[in-house]
Amino acid sequence: MNLKRVKALSRKEFIQIIRDPRSLALALAIPVLLLMLFGYALTVDVDSVPLVIWNQDNSQVSTDFILGFRNSKYFHVVAYHDNYALIQKDIDKARALMGIIIPKDFSKDLAANRIAHVQLLLDGSDSNTATIAMGYVNSVVSAYNVKLISQIIASHGIRSDLPIDLRPRIWFNPELKSRNFIIPGLIAVIMMIISALLTSMTVAREWERGTMEQLISTPVKPGELILGKFLPYFLIGFFDLSIAVAMGQFLFHIPFRGNLVLLFVLSGIFLTGALTMGMLISIVTKNQFLASQLAIITTFLPAFLLSGFMYAISNMPKVIQAITYIVPARYFIIILKGIYLKGVGINILAPQAAFLTVFALLMVNLAKRKFRKKVA
C-alpha cells in the first residue's frame, strides 16, 4: 500500500467535503441537532400525571387519603368533580389521565374495620403511560394501607414495626432518570446513521460524476482508494463523537463513570465498521440517491428498533431477538451504557468489543472485494 496515494486521496476527499455544503452540514450539524432534539423530546419518564377526583365521602379520612396523591410529585390534581360526566369529559379531552372516585361510605367502612373500595378510571389509550401511572397509584394506596395497619396495631399495644423492612438501593441511575440511559443509546444510534450516510455516497458520487474512470486509470489500488476515502470521514466521525460526549456531559449532565480512552477506542472500532458499511453500500449501488435510501433503511430502523435502545430485547418475539444479534448498534449501546453509567472496563465489555471488531473486519473485506477497477 502506497501511503502517498492514500494521503492524496484523503486530501481530495477533504476538499470535496468542504466544497459540498450539504455533506458538511450532514457531517457536523445533523448529529448536534438530532442529539438536542431527541435528548430533550424523547423521554419515558411519567411525571405530574393529571388527575381528577370525586370525593363523595367528604370526610377527614378521605381527605387524608387524597393528600397522598396531592403530596406526590407524580400526580397533579387538575379538578374536583361531583359526577361521572365531568370526569369522563376531562379524560376524553385529555385534560386528565385518570379519575379517582371515593364512595360516600369510605370513612364508615374503615371505621367498621371493613374493606373500603375506591374506583380508579384510567385512560389506557397510551398503554405504557397508563401502566406506569397505575404503578404510582398502587404505591400511594400501599403507603396509605401501611399507615392504617400501623395505627391499628399500635392502638392494641402491639409493636407497630412491619415484619419486613425493605431498603432498596438503586445502582448506576439512582434517580431513575430516563435521560441517563437514553443519551448514551442515542449517541450510538446517531453515530450509526450518520457514519453510514456519510460514506454511502462517496464511491457512488465518483461514478455519477464520471470521475471514477480517471481514478481507475491511475495506479491506485482498491484498498488504497477505500482507505483514502475512509480516513476523512473517520476523523469527522470522531469529531462528531467528541461533540456528542461533550453535550452529554455538559448539556444533559449524564454521569460518566468509566474510562474515556476506552470509550474512544471502542468507538473507533464501531466507526470503522459503520463507515465501511456505508462505503460498501456506495460501491454496490453506484447511485447516490439509492445509496442514501439504503443506508437509512439498513441503519436507522435496526439501530432504533432492534438494538435495545427504546424497547427491551427480552420482550421481543424470539425470532426478532435472534435478528438483533446481527445489529452492531446493540453491542455499542451496551458498551456506552456500561462505560457511562456502570464504569466497567474491557474485562466486562470484551464480548461486545469482539463482535464490533469482527463486524469492522467483515465490512472492510467485503468493501475491498466488491470494488473492482473496471468500467462496466
Protein backbone atom coordinates (compact mmCIF):
# COMPACT_ATOMS: atom_id res chain seq x y z
CA MET A 1 0.00 0.00 0.00
CA ASN A 2 1.36 3.36 -1.05
CA LEU A 3 0.79 5.91 1.73
CA LYS A 4 1.41 8.84 -0.63
CA ARG A 5 -1.52 7.79 -2.80
CA VAL A 6 -3.68 7.29 0.29
CA LYS A 7 -2.73 10.76 1.53
CA ALA A 8 -3.54 12.31 -1.87
CA LEU A 9 -6.94 10.59 -2.00
CA SER A 10 -7.74 11.70 1.55
CA ARG A 11 -6.81 15.28 0.70
CA LYS A 12 -9.03 15.14 -2.38
CA GLU A 13 -11.93 13.82 -0.27
CA PHE A 14 -11.45 16.56 2.34
CA ILE A 15 -11.60 19.21 -0.38
CA GLN A 16 -14.74 17.56 -1.78
CA ILE A 17 -16.42 17.66 1.64
CA ILE A 18 -15.53 21.32 2.22
CA ARG A 19 -16.79 22.32 -1.22
CA ASP A 20 -20.07 20.47 -0.72
CA PRO A 21 -22.15 22.36 1.91
CA ARG A 22 -24.68 19.54 2.14
CA SER A 23 -22.05 16.97 3.08
CA LEU A 24 -20.51 19.36 5.58
CA ALA A 25 -23.88 20.10 7.17
CA LEU A 26 -24.70 16.40 7.29
CA ALA A 27 -21.36 15.68 8.91
CA LEU A 28 -21.38 18.42 11.55
CA ALA A 29 -24.82 19.93 12.10
CA ILE A 30 -27.14 16.92 11.87
CA PRO A 31 -25.63 14.95 14.82
CA VAL A 32 -25.90 18.01 17.08
CA LEU A 33 -29.48 18.72 16.00
CA LEU A 34 -30.54 15.09 16.42
CA LEU A 35 -28.96 14.84 19.85
CA MET A 36 -30.65 18.03 21.05
CA LEU A 37 -34.00 17.11 19.52
CA PHE A 38 -34.13 13.55 20.83
CA GLY A 39 -32.29 14.40 24.04
CA TYR A 40 -34.93 16.91 25.12
CA ALA A 41 -38.01 15.47 23.45
CA LEU A 42 -37.50 11.73 23.92
CA THR A 43 -38.30 10.58 27.44
CA VAL A 44 -40.13 7.69 29.07
CA ASP A 45 -40.47 9.46 32.43
CA VAL A 46 -44.07 9.91 33.55
CA ASP A 47 -44.26 12.87 35.94
CA SER A 48 -47.13 15.07 37.07
CA VAL A 49 -49.95 12.76 36.00
CA PRO A 50 -53.12 14.90 35.58
CA LEU A 51 -55.76 13.61 37.99
CA VAL A 52 -59.42 14.46 38.70
CA ILE A 53 -61.15 13.44 41.93
CA TRP A 54 -64.74 12.90 43.01
CA ASN A 55 -64.83 12.70 46.80
CA GLN A 56 -68.34 11.55 47.74
CA ASP A 57 -67.36 10.94 51.36
CA ASN A 58 -66.09 14.47 52.15
CA SER A 59 -64.64 13.38 55.48
CA GLN A 60 -61.30 13.98 57.14
CA VAL A 61 -60.37 10.34 56.44
CA SER A 62 -60.99 10.64 52.71
CA THR A 63 -59.16 13.99 52.66
CA ASP A 64 -56.13 12.33 54.27
CA PHE A 65 -56.28 9.65 51.58
CA ILE A 66 -56.33 12.30 48.83
CA LEU A 67 -53.32 14.03 50.41
CA GLY A 68 -51.24 11.03 49.40
CA PHE A 69 -51.83 11.99 45.76
CA ARG A 70 -51.57 15.74 46.26
CA ASN A 71 -48.23 15.46 48.06
CA SER A 72 -46.76 13.11 45.45
CA LYS A 73 -44.59 14.61 42.71
CA TYR A 74 -46.07 12.09 40.28
CA PHE A 75 -49.62 13.48 40.40
CA HIS A 76 -51.23 16.80 39.65
CA VAL A 77 -54.84 17.26 40.73
CA VAL A 78 -56.46 19.34 37.98
CA ALA A 79 -60.05 19.35 39.21
CA TYR A 80 -62.58 18.10 41.76
CA HIS A 81 -65.90 16.94 40.33
CA ASP A 82 -69.22 15.71 41.66
CA ASN A 83 -70.39 13.45 38.79
CA TYR A 84 -69.13 10.92 36.26
CA ALA A 85 -69.96 13.06 33.22
CA LEU A 86 -67.40 15.73 34.10
CA ILE A 87 -64.74 13.11 34.84
CA GLN A 88 -65.38 11.40 31.51
CA LYS A 89 -65.27 14.76 29.71
CA ASP A 90 -61.84 15.61 31.18
CA ILE A 91 -60.45 12.19 30.25
CA ASP A 92 -61.94 12.36 26.74
CA LYS A 93 -60.35 15.79 26.16
CA ALA A 94 -57.00 14.59 27.58
CA ARG A 95 -57.12 17.15 30.40
CA ALA A 96 -56.81 14.24 32.83
CA LEU A 97 -55.22 10.83 32.54
CA MET A 98 -57.19 9.29 35.39
CA GLY A 99 -60.09 9.86 37.74
CA ILE A 100 -60.48 8.65 41.33
CA ILE A 101 -63.93 8.17 42.84
CA ILE A 102 -64.16 7.81 46.63
CA PRO A 103 -67.60 6.41 47.69
CA LYS A 104 -69.69 8.06 50.40
CA ASP A 105 -69.19 5.18 52.88
CA PHE A 106 -65.38 5.25 52.61
CA SER A 107 -64.70 6.50 56.16
CA LYS A 108 -67.51 4.41 57.68
CA ASP A 109 -66.14 1.21 56.16
CA LEU A 110 -62.68 1.93 57.53
CA ALA A 111 -64.06 2.77 60.97
CA ALA A 112 -66.03 -0.50 60.98
CA ASN A 113 -62.89 -2.43 60.01
CA ARG A 114 -64.38 -3.29 56.61
CA ILE A 115 -62.67 -3.11 53.21
CA ALA A 116 -63.16 0.35 51.71
CA HIS A 117 -63.44 0.44 47.92
CA VAL A 118 -62.03 3.21 45.71
CA GLN A 119 -62.69 3.37 41.96
CA LEU A 120 -59.95 4.30 39.50
CA LEU A 121 -60.79 5.34 35.93
CA LEU A 122 -57.68 5.27 33.75
CA ASP A 123 -57.12 6.35 30.14
CA GLY A 124 -55.46 3.31 28.55
CA SER A 125 -55.00 4.74 25.05
CA ASP A 126 -51.28 5.02 25.84
CA SER A 127 -50.63 1.66 27.47
CA ASN A 128 -47.07 2.45 28.59
CA THR A 129 -48.03 5.69 30.36
CA ALA A 130 -51.14 4.07 31.83
CA THR A 131 -49.12 1.15 33.24
CA ILE A 132 -46.60 3.47 34.87
CA ALA A 133 -49.34 5.73 36.26
CA MET A 134 -51.16 2.71 37.70
CA GLY A 135 -47.93 1.70 39.43
CA TYR A 136 -47.77 5.15 41.04
CA VAL A 137 -51.38 4.79 42.24
CA ASN A 138 -50.65 1.37 43.74
CA SER A 139 -47.66 2.87 45.54
CA VAL A 140 -49.74 5.66 47.11
CA VAL A 141 -52.51 3.24 48.13
CA SER A 142 -49.99 0.78 49.57
CA ALA A 143 -48.39 3.53 51.64
CA TYR A 144 -51.81 4.53 52.98
CA ASN A 145 -52.62 0.88 53.83
CA VAL A 146 -49.34 0.52 55.71
CA LYS A 147 -50.11 3.69 57.66
CA LEU A 148 -53.58 2.38 58.65
CA ILE A 149 -52.27 -1.05 59.64
CA SER A 150 -49.54 0.52 61.76
CA GLN A 151 -52.12 2.68 63.56
CA ILE A 152 -54.38 -0.31 64.24
CA ILE A 153 -51.51 -2.40 65.59
CA ALA A 154 -50.25 0.47 67.75
CA SER A 155 -53.75 1.06 69.18
CA HIS A 156 -53.75 -2.52 70.51
CA GLY A 157 -50.43 -2.04 72.24
CA ILE A 158 -48.59 -4.30 69.79
CA ARG A 159 -45.24 -3.47 68.27
CA SER A 160 -46.02 -1.41 65.19
CA ASP A 161 -42.88 -2.21 63.21
CA LEU A 162 -43.58 -4.09 60.00
CA PRO A 163 -42.15 -7.64 59.85
CA ILE A 164 -40.14 -6.88 56.68
CA ASP A 165 -38.16 -3.69 56.26
CA LEU A 166 -37.22 -3.41 52.59
CA ARG A 167 -34.45 -0.92 51.89
CA PRO A 168 -33.93 -0.67 48.13
CA ARG A 169 -30.71 0.75 46.73
CA ILE A 170 -30.68 1.63 43.05
CA TRP A 171 -27.31 1.34 41.34
CA PHE A 172 -25.97 3.29 38.35
CA ASN A 173 -29.05 5.51 37.92
CA PRO A 174 -30.34 6.22 41.44
CA GLU A 175 -32.72 8.98 40.35
CA LEU A 176 -34.21 6.70 37.66
CA LYS A 177 -33.94 9.44 35.04
CA SER A 178 -34.69 8.11 31.56
CA ARG A 179 -32.31 10.69 30.06
CA ASN A 180 -29.35 8.96 31.73
CA PHE A 181 -29.83 5.80 29.65
CA ILE A 182 -31.40 7.42 26.59
CA ILE A 183 -28.49 9.77 25.79
CA PRO A 184 -25.75 7.06 25.65
CA GLY A 185 -28.01 4.90 23.49
CA LEU A 186 -28.87 7.89 21.35
CA ILE A 187 -25.18 8.55 20.69
CA ALA A 188 -24.86 5.01 19.31
CA VAL A 189 -27.94 5.36 17.09
CA ILE A 190 -26.86 8.75 15.71
CA MET A 191 -23.28 7.64 15.04
CA MET A 192 -24.52 4.54 13.22
CA ILE A 193 -26.87 6.52 10.98
CA ILE A 194 -24.53 9.44 10.27
CA SER A 195 -21.50 7.23 9.63
CA ALA A 196 -23.26 5.08 7.06
CA LEU A 197 -24.86 8.11 5.40
CA LEU A 198 -21.56 9.97 5.14
CA THR A 199 -19.76 7.25 3.21
CA SER A 200 -22.77 5.81 1.36
CA MET A 201 -22.38 8.46 -1.34
CA THR A 202 -18.58 8.62 -1.71
CA VAL A 203 -17.95 5.99 -4.40
CA ALA A 204 -21.40 6.46 -5.96
CA ARG A 205 -20.61 10.16 -6.40
CA GLU A 206 -17.47 9.29 -8.37
CA TRP A 207 -19.48 7.07 -10.74
CA GLU A 208 -22.23 9.64 -11.25
CA ARG A 209 -19.81 12.50 -11.94
CA GLY A 210 -17.68 10.45 -14.30
CA THR A 211 -14.51 10.79 -12.22
CA MET A 212 -14.27 7.10 -11.38
CA GLU A 213 -12.83 6.36 -14.83
CA GLN A 214 -9.99 8.75 -14.05
CA LEU A 215 -9.29 7.02 -10.75
CA ILE A 216 -9.40 3.61 -12.42
CA SER A 217 -6.77 4.72 -14.91
CA THR A 218 -4.34 5.58 -12.09
CA PRO A 219 -2.12 3.08 -10.22
CA VAL A 220 -4.38 3.43 -7.15
CA LYS A 221 -5.26 0.03 -5.70
CA PRO A 222 -8.77 -0.80 -4.40
CA GLY A 223 -7.53 -0.92 -0.80
CA GLU A 224 -5.82 2.46 -1.16
CA LEU A 225 -8.94 4.03 -2.65
CA ILE A 226 -11.14 2.72 0.15
CA LEU A 227 -8.67 3.82 2.86
CA GLY A 228 -8.17 7.22 1.25
CA LYS A 229 -11.92 7.86 1.24
CA PHE A 230 -12.36 6.33 4.68
CA LEU A 231 -9.87 8.45 6.66
CA PRO A 232 -11.53 11.89 6.26
CA TYR A 233 -14.90 10.56 7.37
CA PHE A 234 -13.29 8.66 10.23
CA LEU A 235 -11.85 11.94 11.54
CA ILE A 236 -15.21 13.67 11.07
CA GLY A 237 -16.92 10.80 12.88
CA PHE A 238 -14.51 11.16 15.80
CA PHE A 239 -15.19 14.90 15.86
CA ASP A 240 -18.95 14.23 15.96
CA LEU A 241 -18.43 11.67 18.71
CA SER A 242 -16.43 14.19 20.75
CA ILE A 243 -19.21 16.75 20.39
CA ALA A 244 -21.82 14.17 21.43
CA VAL A 245 -19.80 13.15 24.51
CA ALA A 246 -19.29 16.81 25.45
CA MET A 247 -23.01 17.54 25.03
CA GLY A 248 -23.91 14.55 27.18
CA GLN A 249 -21.54 15.72 29.90
CA PHE A 250 -22.11 19.49 29.97
CA LEU A 251 -25.56 19.96 28.42
CA PHE A 252 -27.50 16.91 29.62
CA HIS A 253 -25.32 16.23 32.71
CA ILE A 254 -25.14 12.48 32.11
CA PRO A 255 -22.91 10.78 34.69
CA PHE A 256 -19.66 9.44 33.21
CA ARG A 257 -18.05 6.84 35.46
CA GLY A 258 -15.83 4.93 33.04
CA ASN A 259 -12.60 5.32 31.13
CA LEU A 260 -12.66 7.99 28.41
CA VAL A 261 -9.79 6.38 26.47
CA LEU A 262 -11.62 3.03 26.39
CA LEU A 263 -14.75 4.82 25.16
CA PHE A 264 -12.92 6.37 22.20
CA VAL A 265 -11.01 3.18 21.34
CA LEU A 266 -14.16 1.06 21.18
CA SER A 267 -16.00 3.89 19.42
CA GLY A 268 -13.23 3.90 16.81
CA ILE A 269 -13.86 0.21 16.12
CA PHE A 270 -17.59 0.86 15.81
CA LEU A 271 -17.00 3.84 13.49
CA THR A 272 -14.75 1.74 11.29
CA GLY A 273 -17.47 -0.85 10.78
CA ALA A 274 -20.25 1.72 10.26
CA LEU A 275 -18.23 3.84 7.81
CA THR A 276 -17.08 0.90 5.70
CA MET A 277 -20.65 -0.44 5.72
CA GLY A 278 -21.76 2.82 4.12
CA MET A 279 -18.89 2.57 1.65
CA LEU A 280 -19.91 -0.99 0.78
CA ILE A 281 -23.44 0.26 0.04
CA SER A 282 -21.97 3.00 -2.16
CA ILE A 283 -19.80 0.50 -4.07
CA VAL A 284 -22.69 -1.88 -4.71
CA THR A 285 -25.36 0.67 -5.70
CA LYS A 286 -23.23 3.21 -7.70
CA ASN A 287 -26.11 5.68 -7.26
CA GLN A 288 -26.17 8.42 -4.60
CA PHE A 289 -29.94 8.52 -4.08
CA LEU A 290 -30.29 4.74 -3.87
CA ALA A 291 -27.23 4.52 -1.62
CA SER A 292 -28.58 7.11 0.83
CA GLN A 293 -32.00 5.43 0.99
CA LEU A 294 -30.47 2.00 1.51
CA ALA A 295 -28.17 3.40 4.20
CA ILE A 296 -31.13 4.82 6.12
CA ILE A 297 -33.09 1.57 5.89
CA THR A 298 -30.16 -0.62 6.98
CA THR A 299 -29.02 1.65 9.83
CA PHE A 300 -31.84 3.77 11.26
CA LEU A 301 -34.55 1.12 11.61
CA PRO A 302 -32.33 -1.64 13.09
CA ALA A 303 -30.43 0.81 15.34
CA PHE A 304 -33.60 2.47 16.63
CA LEU A 305 -35.91 -0.54 16.91
CA LEU A 306 -33.75 -3.67 17.28
CA SER A 307 -30.79 -2.51 19.36
CA GLY A 308 -32.49 -2.32 22.76
CA PHE A 309 -32.35 1.46 22.63
CA MET A 310 -36.08 2.05 23.03
CA TYR A 311 -37.54 -1.42 23.56
CA ALA A 312 -36.23 -4.21 25.75
CA ILE A 313 -34.93 -7.05 23.59
CA SER A 314 -36.17 -9.61 26.13
CA ASN A 315 -39.76 -8.53 25.43
CA MET A 316 -39.47 -9.08 21.67
CA PRO A 317 -40.56 -12.30 19.90
CA LYS A 318 -37.89 -14.99 19.77
CA VAL A 319 -37.39 -14.60 16.02
CA ILE A 320 -36.79 -10.84 16.39
CA GLN A 321 -34.46 -11.46 19.33
CA ALA A 322 -32.36 -13.69 17.10
CA ILE A 323 -32.17 -10.96 14.44
CA THR A 324 -30.91 -8.40 16.98
CA TYR A 325 -27.65 -10.35 17.35
CA ILE A 326 -26.50 -9.05 13.96
CA VAL A 327 -27.30 -5.39 14.75
CA PRO A 328 -23.99 -3.63 15.60
CA ALA A 329 -25.73 -0.81 17.48
CA ARG A 330 -26.95 -3.37 20.04
CA TYR A 331 -23.38 -4.05 21.18
CA PHE A 332 -22.27 -0.41 21.01
CA ILE A 333 -25.22 0.64 23.21
CA ILE A 334 -24.21 -1.94 25.81
CA ILE A 335 -20.66 -0.55 25.68
CA LEU A 336 -21.78 3.06 26.05
CA LYS A 337 -24.16 2.34 28.93
CA GLY A 338 -21.54 0.18 30.62
CA ILE A 339 -18.84 2.85 30.40
CA TYR A 340 -21.14 5.80 31.13
CA LEU A 341 -23.34 4.50 33.95
CA LYS A 342 -21.55 1.46 35.38
CA GLY A 343 -17.91 2.42 34.84
CA VAL A 344 -17.00 -1.12 33.72
CA GLY A 345 -13.81 -1.98 31.85
CA ILE A 346 -12.77 -4.09 28.90
CA ASN A 347 -12.90 -7.27 31.00
CA ILE A 348 -16.70 -6.90 31.11
CA LEU A 349 -17.15 -5.43 27.63
CA ALA A 350 -14.85 -7.89 25.82
CA PRO A 351 -17.68 -9.85 24.09
CA GLN A 352 -19.22 -6.67 22.67
CA ALA A 353 -15.80 -5.34 21.62
CA ALA A 354 -15.03 -8.66 19.90
CA PHE A 355 -18.26 -8.54 17.89
CA LEU A 356 -17.64 -4.95 16.78
CA THR A 357 -14.11 -5.92 15.72
CA VAL A 358 -15.44 -8.84 13.66
CA PHE A 359 -18.09 -6.57 12.16
CA ALA A 360 -15.48 -3.94 11.18
CA LEU A 361 -13.13 -6.52 9.62
CA LEU A 362 -16.02 -8.10 7.71
CA MET A 363 -17.17 -4.75 6.29
CA VAL A 364 -13.62 -3.79 5.27
CA ASN A 365 -13.05 -7.08 3.48
CA LEU A 366 -16.43 -7.00 1.73
CA ALA A 367 -15.82 -3.44 0.55
CA LYS A 368 -12.41 -4.42 -0.88
CA ARG A 369 -13.82 -7.50 -2.60
CA LYS A 370 -16.78 -5.67 -4.13
CA PHE A 371 -14.75 -2.80 -5.55
CA ARG A 372 -13.32 -3.56 -8.97
CA LYS A 373 -11.12 -1.29 -11.06
CA LYS A 374 -13.03 -1.70 -14.26
CA VAL A 375 -15.75 0.08 -16.18
CA ALA A 376 -18.95 -1.89 -16.61
